[in-house]
N, C-alpha and C. Protein backbone atom coordinates (compact mmCIF):
# COMPACT_ATOMS: atom_id res chain seq x y z
N MET A 1 4.34 8.48 -15.76
CA MET A 1 3.36 8.29 -15.12
C MET A 1 2.27 9.42 -15.03
N SER A 2 1.08 8.95 -14.83
CA SER A 2 -0.06 10.29 -14.63
C SER A 2 0.15 10.70 -13.51
N GLU A 3 -0.39 12.04 -13.60
CA GLU A 3 -0.34 12.53 -12.24
C GLU A 3 -1.31 12.27 -11.34
N ALA A 4 -2.46 11.63 -11.73
CA ALA A 4 -3.41 10.69 -11.05
C ALA A 4 -2.76 9.80 -9.94
N THR A 5 -1.83 9.04 -10.56
CA THR A 5 -1.17 7.82 -9.89
C THR A 5 -0.06 8.62 -8.84
N LYS A 6 0.55 9.38 -9.45
CA LYS A 6 1.37 10.06 -8.04
C LYS A 6 0.77 11.05 -7.28
N ARG A 7 -0.33 11.59 -7.40
CA ARG A 7 -1.39 11.99 -6.45
C ARG A 7 -1.72 10.87 -5.30
N PHE A 8 -2.06 9.48 -5.86
CA PHE A 8 -2.49 8.53 -5.32
C PHE A 8 -1.58 8.13 -4.03
N PHE A 9 -0.37 7.72 -4.63
CA PHE A 9 0.69 7.18 -3.84
C PHE A 9 1.08 8.40 -2.73
N ALA A 10 1.28 9.62 -3.51
CA ALA A 10 1.51 10.66 -2.20
C ALA A 10 0.39 11.00 -1.02
N SER A 11 -0.80 10.61 -1.24
CA SER A 11 -1.79 10.68 -0.31
C SER A 11 -1.82 9.45 0.90
N LEU A 12 -1.41 8.07 0.19
CA LEU A 12 -1.53 7.28 1.04
C LEU A 12 -0.81 7.35 2.68
N PRO A 13 0.23 7.94 2.70
CA PRO A 13 0.68 8.13 4.37
C PRO A 13 -0.42 8.60 5.26
N ALA A 14 -1.21 9.77 4.44
CA ALA A 14 -2.11 10.73 5.41
C ALA A 14 -3.24 10.29 5.40
N ARG A 15 -3.70 9.44 4.51
CA ARG A 15 -5.08 8.14 4.57
C ARG A 15 -4.73 7.10 5.40
N ALA A 16 -3.79 6.81 5.96
CA ALA A 16 -3.38 5.59 6.08
C ALA A 16 -4.25 5.18 8.02
N ALA A 17 -4.05 6.17 8.71
CA ALA A 17 -4.88 6.44 9.67
C ALA A 17 -6.16 5.88 9.89
N SER A 18 -6.99 6.41 8.93
CA SER A 18 -8.56 6.15 8.52
C SER A 18 -8.89 4.83 7.99
N VAL A 19 -7.78 4.39 7.03
CA VAL A 19 -8.10 3.26 6.14
C VAL A 19 -7.65 2.04 6.82
N LEU A 20 -6.28 1.96 7.64
CA LEU A 20 -5.85 0.69 7.72
C LEU A 20 -6.06 0.60 9.40
N ARG A 21 -6.95 -0.52 9.67
CA ARG A 21 -7.28 -0.68 11.24
C ARG A 21 -6.90 -2.22 11.58
N SER A 22 -6.68 -3.12 10.47
CA SER A 22 -6.15 -4.59 10.49
C SER A 22 -5.15 -4.72 11.07
N PRO A 23 -5.18 -5.64 11.88
CA PRO A 23 -3.51 -6.01 12.30
C PRO A 23 -2.61 -6.50 11.13
N VAL A 24 -2.78 -6.74 9.70
CA VAL A 24 -2.18 -7.05 8.68
C VAL A 24 -1.01 -6.06 8.50
N ALA A 25 0.15 -6.45 8.25
CA ALA A 25 1.24 -5.70 7.72
C ALA A 25 2.21 -6.42 6.79
N GLY A 26 2.58 -5.50 6.41
CA GLY A 26 3.88 -6.19 4.88
C GLY A 26 4.05 -5.11 4.16
N THR A 27 4.95 -5.45 3.24
CA THR A 27 5.38 -4.94 1.85
C THR A 27 4.65 -5.17 0.74
N LEU A 28 4.17 -4.39 -0.10
CA LEU A 28 3.70 -4.69 -1.40
C LEU A 28 4.10 -4.26 -2.32
N GLN A 29 4.76 -4.83 -3.33
CA GLN A 29 5.33 -4.49 -4.13
C GLN A 29 4.13 -4.23 -5.68
N ILE A 30 4.32 -3.10 -6.30
CA ILE A 30 3.42 -2.69 -7.09
C ILE A 30 4.05 -2.55 -8.45
N ASP A 31 4.19 -3.20 -9.47
CA ASP A 31 4.68 -2.96 -10.70
C ASP A 31 3.89 -2.49 -11.71
N LEU A 32 4.17 -1.50 -12.14
CA LEU A 32 3.37 -0.88 -13.28
C LEU A 32 4.09 -0.81 -14.74
N ALA A 33 3.80 -1.81 -15.49
CA ALA A 33 4.13 -1.78 -16.65
C ALA A 33 3.62 -1.14 -18.25
N ASP A 34 4.69 -0.57 -18.55
CA ASP A 34 4.21 0.36 -19.88
C ASP A 34 5.14 -0.03 -20.99
N GLY A 35 4.85 -0.94 -21.83
CA GLY A 35 5.55 -1.19 -22.83
C GLY A 35 6.75 -2.15 -22.40
N ASN A 36 8.22 -1.75 -22.73
CA ASN A 36 9.02 -2.49 -22.41
C ASN A 36 9.41 -1.78 -20.89
N ARG A 37 8.94 -1.27 -20.39
CA ARG A 37 9.16 -0.48 -18.97
C ARG A 37 8.66 -0.68 -17.69
N THR A 38 9.18 -1.00 -16.59
CA THR A 38 8.22 -1.25 -15.67
C THR A 38 8.61 -0.50 -14.67
N GLU A 39 7.96 0.12 -13.79
CA GLU A 39 8.36 1.11 -12.83
C GLU A 39 7.53 0.02 -11.33
N HIS A 40 8.64 -0.12 -10.56
CA HIS A 40 8.41 -0.54 -9.04
C HIS A 40 7.80 0.26 -7.91
N TRP A 41 6.93 0.39 -7.71
CA TRP A 41 6.44 1.08 -6.05
C TRP A 41 6.24 0.10 -4.95
N TYR A 42 6.86 0.54 -3.97
CA TYR A 42 6.73 -0.43 -2.71
C TYR A 42 5.99 0.34 -1.67
N VAL A 43 4.87 -0.36 -1.00
CA VAL A 43 3.66 0.43 -0.08
C VAL A 43 3.68 -0.67 0.87
N THR A 44 4.53 -0.25 2.27
CA THR A 44 4.79 -0.58 3.60
C THR A 44 3.51 -0.42 4.30
N LEU A 45 2.56 -1.56 4.59
CA LEU A 45 1.57 -1.32 5.40
C LEU A 45 1.46 -1.76 6.59
N ALA A 46 1.07 -1.05 7.55
CA ALA A 46 1.43 -1.74 9.26
C ALA A 46 -0.13 -0.59 9.52
N PRO A 47 -1.01 -1.42 10.95
CA PRO A 47 -1.96 -0.76 11.30
C PRO A 47 -1.90 0.89 11.78
N GLY A 48 -2.70 1.66 10.65
CA GLY A 48 -2.57 2.76 10.99
C GLY A 48 -1.07 3.80 10.34
N THR A 49 -0.60 3.17 9.49
CA THR A 49 0.55 3.72 8.48
C THR A 49 0.85 2.86 7.49
N ALA A 50 1.14 3.93 6.61
CA ALA A 50 1.69 3.72 5.19
C ALA A 50 2.81 4.26 4.94
N ARG A 51 3.74 3.27 4.20
CA ARG A 51 5.07 4.02 3.51
C ARG A 51 4.98 3.79 2.59
N VAL A 52 5.53 4.68 1.28
CA VAL A 52 5.47 4.69 -0.02
C VAL A 52 7.09 4.72 -0.26
N SER A 53 7.37 3.81 -1.12
CA SER A 53 8.74 4.30 -1.92
C SER A 53 9.07 3.81 -3.07
N GLN A 54 10.08 3.90 -3.65
CA GLN A 54 10.49 3.34 -5.25
C GLN A 54 11.92 2.53 -4.93
N GLU A 55 12.21 2.63 -3.49
CA GLU A 55 13.39 1.75 -3.53
C GLU A 55 13.32 1.07 -2.08
N GLU A 56 13.28 -0.21 -2.45
CA GLU A 56 12.96 -0.97 -0.97
C GLU A 56 14.23 -2.05 -1.48
N GLU A 57 14.69 -2.34 -0.14
CA GLU A 57 15.84 -3.12 -0.10
C GLU A 57 15.79 -4.53 0.31
N ARG A 58 14.62 -4.95 0.36
CA ARG A 58 14.20 -6.59 0.83
C ARG A 58 12.81 -6.91 0.06
N PRO A 59 13.02 -8.32 -0.10
CA PRO A 59 11.74 -8.69 -0.86
C PRO A 59 10.59 -8.16 -0.42
N ALA A 60 9.45 -8.16 -1.46
CA ALA A 60 8.29 -8.02 -0.87
C ALA A 60 7.07 -8.89 -0.42
N ASP A 61 6.38 -8.72 0.21
CA ASP A 61 5.43 -9.65 0.77
C ASP A 61 4.27 -10.30 0.13
N GLY A 62 4.24 -9.44 -1.31
CA GLY A 62 3.42 -9.61 -2.22
C GLY A 62 3.53 -8.79 -3.27
N VAL A 63 2.96 -9.23 -4.81
CA VAL A 63 3.41 -8.59 -5.80
C VAL A 63 2.10 -8.12 -6.59
N LEU A 64 1.79 -7.05 -6.88
CA LEU A 64 0.73 -6.75 -7.73
C LEU A 64 1.10 -6.07 -8.82
N THR A 65 0.96 -6.81 -9.94
CA THR A 65 1.43 -6.55 -11.34
C THR A 65 0.39 -6.09 -12.33
N LEU A 66 0.43 -4.78 -13.20
CA LEU A 66 -0.39 -4.28 -14.22
C LEU A 66 -0.10 -3.26 -14.90
N SER A 67 -0.66 -2.77 -15.79
CA SER A 67 -0.67 -1.76 -16.67
C SER A 67 -0.44 -0.44 -15.85
N THR A 68 0.22 0.68 -16.35
CA THR A 68 0.06 1.69 -16.01
C THR A 68 -1.45 2.34 -16.32
N GLU A 69 -1.85 1.92 -17.22
CA GLU A 69 -3.12 2.49 -17.93
C GLU A 69 -4.24 1.90 -17.03
N LEU A 70 -4.31 0.20 -16.52
CA LEU A 70 -5.15 0.15 -15.48
C LEU A 70 -5.07 0.22 -14.46
N PHE A 71 -3.77 0.97 -14.00
CA PHE A 71 -3.62 1.48 -12.35
C PHE A 71 -4.52 2.98 -12.29
N GLU A 72 -4.18 3.84 -13.51
CA GLU A 72 -4.70 4.92 -13.61
C GLU A 72 -6.26 4.77 -13.57
N LYS A 73 -7.03 3.91 -14.15
CA LYS A 73 -8.12 3.64 -13.94
C LYS A 73 -8.48 3.17 -12.39
N LEU A 74 -7.97 2.55 -11.72
CA LEU A 74 -8.11 2.01 -10.34
C LEU A 74 -7.95 3.08 -9.75
N VAL A 75 -7.20 3.86 -9.73
CA VAL A 75 -6.96 5.06 -8.76
C VAL A 75 -8.14 6.19 -8.94
N THR A 76 -8.68 6.34 -9.93
CA THR A 76 -9.51 6.90 -10.41
C THR A 76 -11.20 6.71 -10.57
N GLY A 77 -11.33 5.25 -9.91
CA GLY A 77 -12.48 5.02 -9.78
C GLY A 77 -13.30 4.24 -10.85
N ARG A 78 -12.50 4.15 -12.03
CA ARG A 78 -12.91 3.78 -13.25
C ARG A 78 -13.18 2.34 -13.47
N GLU A 79 -12.21 1.56 -12.50
CA GLU A 79 -12.19 0.17 -12.69
C GLU A 79 -12.18 -0.57 -11.13
N ALA A 80 -12.15 -1.35 -10.92
CA ALA A 80 -12.31 -2.02 -9.61
C ALA A 80 -11.26 -2.97 -9.53
N GLY A 81 -10.23 -3.02 -8.31
CA GLY A 81 -9.25 -4.14 -8.51
C GLY A 81 -9.34 -5.14 -8.62
N MET A 82 -10.51 -5.96 -7.72
CA MET A 82 -10.75 -7.23 -7.56
C MET A 82 -10.96 -7.85 -8.80
N ALA A 83 -11.92 -7.05 -9.60
CA ALA A 83 -12.20 -7.30 -10.76
C ALA A 83 -11.17 -7.44 -11.61
N ALA A 84 -10.35 -6.55 -12.03
CA ALA A 84 -9.15 -6.69 -12.85
C ALA A 84 -8.36 -7.90 -12.43
N VAL A 85 -8.08 -8.40 -11.20
CA VAL A 85 -7.28 -9.15 -10.78
C VAL A 85 -8.17 -10.57 -11.21
N LEU A 86 -9.43 -10.72 -11.07
CA LEU A 86 -10.31 -11.78 -11.63
C LEU A 86 -10.37 -12.01 -12.92
N ARG A 87 -10.83 -10.66 -14.02
CA ARG A 87 -10.62 -10.88 -15.35
C ARG A 87 -8.96 -11.18 -15.75
N ASN A 88 -8.17 -11.12 -15.04
CA ASN A 88 -6.28 -11.46 -15.47
C ASN A 88 -6.11 -10.15 -16.08
N GLU A 89 -6.71 -9.19 -16.08
CA GLU A 89 -5.94 -7.72 -16.38
C GLU A 89 -4.56 -7.78 -15.43
N ALA A 90 -4.72 -7.79 -14.17
CA ALA A 90 -3.55 -7.79 -13.18
C ALA A 90 -3.40 -8.96 -12.61
N THR A 91 -2.05 -9.14 -12.18
CA THR A 91 -1.82 -10.58 -11.23
C THR A 91 -1.55 -10.18 -9.92
N PHE A 92 -1.82 -11.09 -8.88
CA PHE A 92 -1.28 -10.68 -7.85
C PHE A 92 -0.74 -12.27 -7.18
N SER A 93 0.59 -12.21 -6.56
CA SER A 93 1.15 -13.16 -5.89
C SER A 93 1.63 -12.80 -4.43
N GLY A 94 1.47 -13.93 -3.41
CA GLY A 94 2.19 -13.56 -2.23
C GLY A 94 0.62 -13.33 -1.18
N LYS A 95 1.12 -12.66 -0.08
CA LYS A 95 0.60 -12.45 0.78
C LYS A 95 -0.95 -11.38 0.40
N VAL A 96 -1.98 -12.65 0.03
CA VAL A 96 -3.24 -12.00 -0.24
C VAL A 96 -3.67 -10.80 0.74
N ALA A 97 -3.83 -11.03 1.75
CA ALA A 97 -4.30 -10.18 2.79
C ALA A 97 -3.95 -8.54 2.45
N LEU A 98 -2.62 -8.31 2.13
CA LEU A 98 -1.86 -7.08 1.66
C LEU A 98 -2.71 -6.34 0.47
N PHE A 99 -3.12 -7.31 -0.40
CA PHE A 99 -3.70 -7.00 -1.72
C PHE A 99 -4.98 -6.33 -1.25
N LEU A 100 -5.75 -6.87 -0.36
CA LEU A 100 -7.03 -7.06 0.38
C LEU A 100 -7.35 -5.65 1.07
N LEU A 101 -5.98 -5.35 1.74
CA LEU A 101 -6.02 -4.35 2.68
C LEU A 101 -5.57 -3.04 1.55
N PHE A 102 -4.94 -3.24 0.55
CA PHE A 102 -4.46 -2.00 -0.05
C PHE A 102 -5.91 -1.59 -1.02
N ARG A 103 -6.46 -2.58 -1.52
CA ARG A 103 -7.42 -2.19 -2.09
C ARG A 103 -8.69 -0.99 -1.64
N ARG A 104 -8.53 -0.86 -0.07
CA ARG A 104 -9.16 -0.08 0.68
C ARG A 104 -8.97 1.37 0.59
N PHE A 105 -7.61 1.75 -0.33
CA PHE A 105 -7.54 2.87 -0.59
C PHE A 105 -7.85 3.20 -1.57
N LEU A 106 -8.34 2.44 -2.79
CA LEU A 106 -8.82 2.41 -4.03
C LEU A 106 -10.26 3.46 -4.01
N PRO A 107 -10.51 4.28 -4.65
CA PRO A 107 -12.24 4.10 -4.77
C PRO A 107 -13.17 3.79 -5.02
N ASP A 108 -14.30 3.66 -4.74
CA ASP A 108 -15.26 2.96 -5.46
C ASP A 108 -15.70 3.67 -6.95
N ARG A 109 -15.96 2.60 -7.59
CA ARG A 109 -16.65 3.27 -8.68
C ARG A 109 -18.09 4.16 -8.74
N PRO A 110 -18.00 4.90 -9.66
CA PRO A 110 -19.02 6.04 -9.55
C PRO A 110 -20.23 5.20 -9.87
N GLY A 111 -21.19 5.70 -8.71
CA GLY A 111 -22.55 5.07 -8.72
C GLY A 111 -22.48 3.75 -7.61
N VAL A 112 -21.62 3.44 -7.31
CA VAL A 112 -21.23 2.12 -6.42
C VAL A 112 -21.71 2.93 -4.92
N ARG A 113 -22.69 1.86 -4.39
CA ARG A 113 -22.99 1.80 -3.28
C ARG A 113 -22.86 0.72 -2.12
N ASP A 114 -22.48 1.08 -0.87
CA ASP A 114 -22.29 0.37 0.00
C ASP A 114 -23.62 -0.70 0.11
N PRO A 115 -23.61 -2.04 0.27
CA PRO A 115 -25.14 -2.74 0.76
C PRO A 115 -25.45 -2.29 1.80
N ARG A 116 -24.68 -1.95 3.17
CA ARG A 116 -24.67 -2.00 4.11
C ARG A 116 -25.81 -0.28 4.47
N GLU A 117 -25.19 0.38 3.41
CA GLU A 117 -25.84 1.73 3.76
C GLU A 117 -27.18 1.69 2.93
N THR A 118 -27.44 0.71 1.73
CA THR A 118 -28.47 0.65 1.02
C THR A 118 -29.69 -0.24 2.23
N ALA A 119 -29.37 -1.11 2.87
CA ALA A 119 -29.91 -1.79 3.80
C ALA A 119 -30.40 -0.94 5.10
N ARG A 120 -29.60 0.09 5.66
CA ARG A 120 -29.55 0.99 6.61
C ARG A 120 -31.06 1.82 6.29
N GLU A 121 -30.77 2.44 4.76
CA GLU A 121 -31.67 3.17 4.51
C GLU A 121 -33.11 2.82 4.29
N HIS A 122 -33.09 1.50 3.81
CA HIS A 122 -34.63 0.51 3.74
C HIS A 122 -35.09 0.51 5.03
N ALA A 123 -34.33 -0.03 6.16
CA ALA A 123 -34.88 0.13 7.18
C ALA A 123 -35.56 1.45 8.23
N ARG A 124 -34.71 2.43 7.43
CA ARG A 124 -35.24 3.66 8.35
C ARG A 124 -36.66 3.68 7.44
N ARG A 125 -36.84 3.78 6.24
CA ARG A 125 -37.96 4.02 5.44
C ARG A 125 -38.99 2.87 6.01
N SER A 126 -38.95 2.04 6.71
CA SER A 126 -39.87 0.61 6.93
C SER A 126 -40.49 1.33 7.91
N VAL A 127 -39.53 1.71 9.00
CA VAL A 127 -40.24 2.25 10.26
C VAL A 127 -41.39 2.91 10.53
């Protein structure tokens, strides 16, 4: 597992308060495949909190499966999570809201701008 992936998972609990404002809660299992080996990560999300573990005692509410290489690209902002699922490079099953919530932790790709901010800038210049 890459250093970027380790840092990403370690950062989730500290970042949760600012990222998780939705009432959605549940456990997301992230399966990182590398050849014949698969690592299982469990991220339990609740409003304002996130807990990360590699040992979960109950079934997950959603499962995200992808390669370790693709996951590293996601956590470093070189790929987008939804685009990877739509291209079938990653699969998701279960409670879709958990995946959508988890995506908020992933960085934007370089050069991507929030369209709302672009509209605000345009409005300020028009005045």
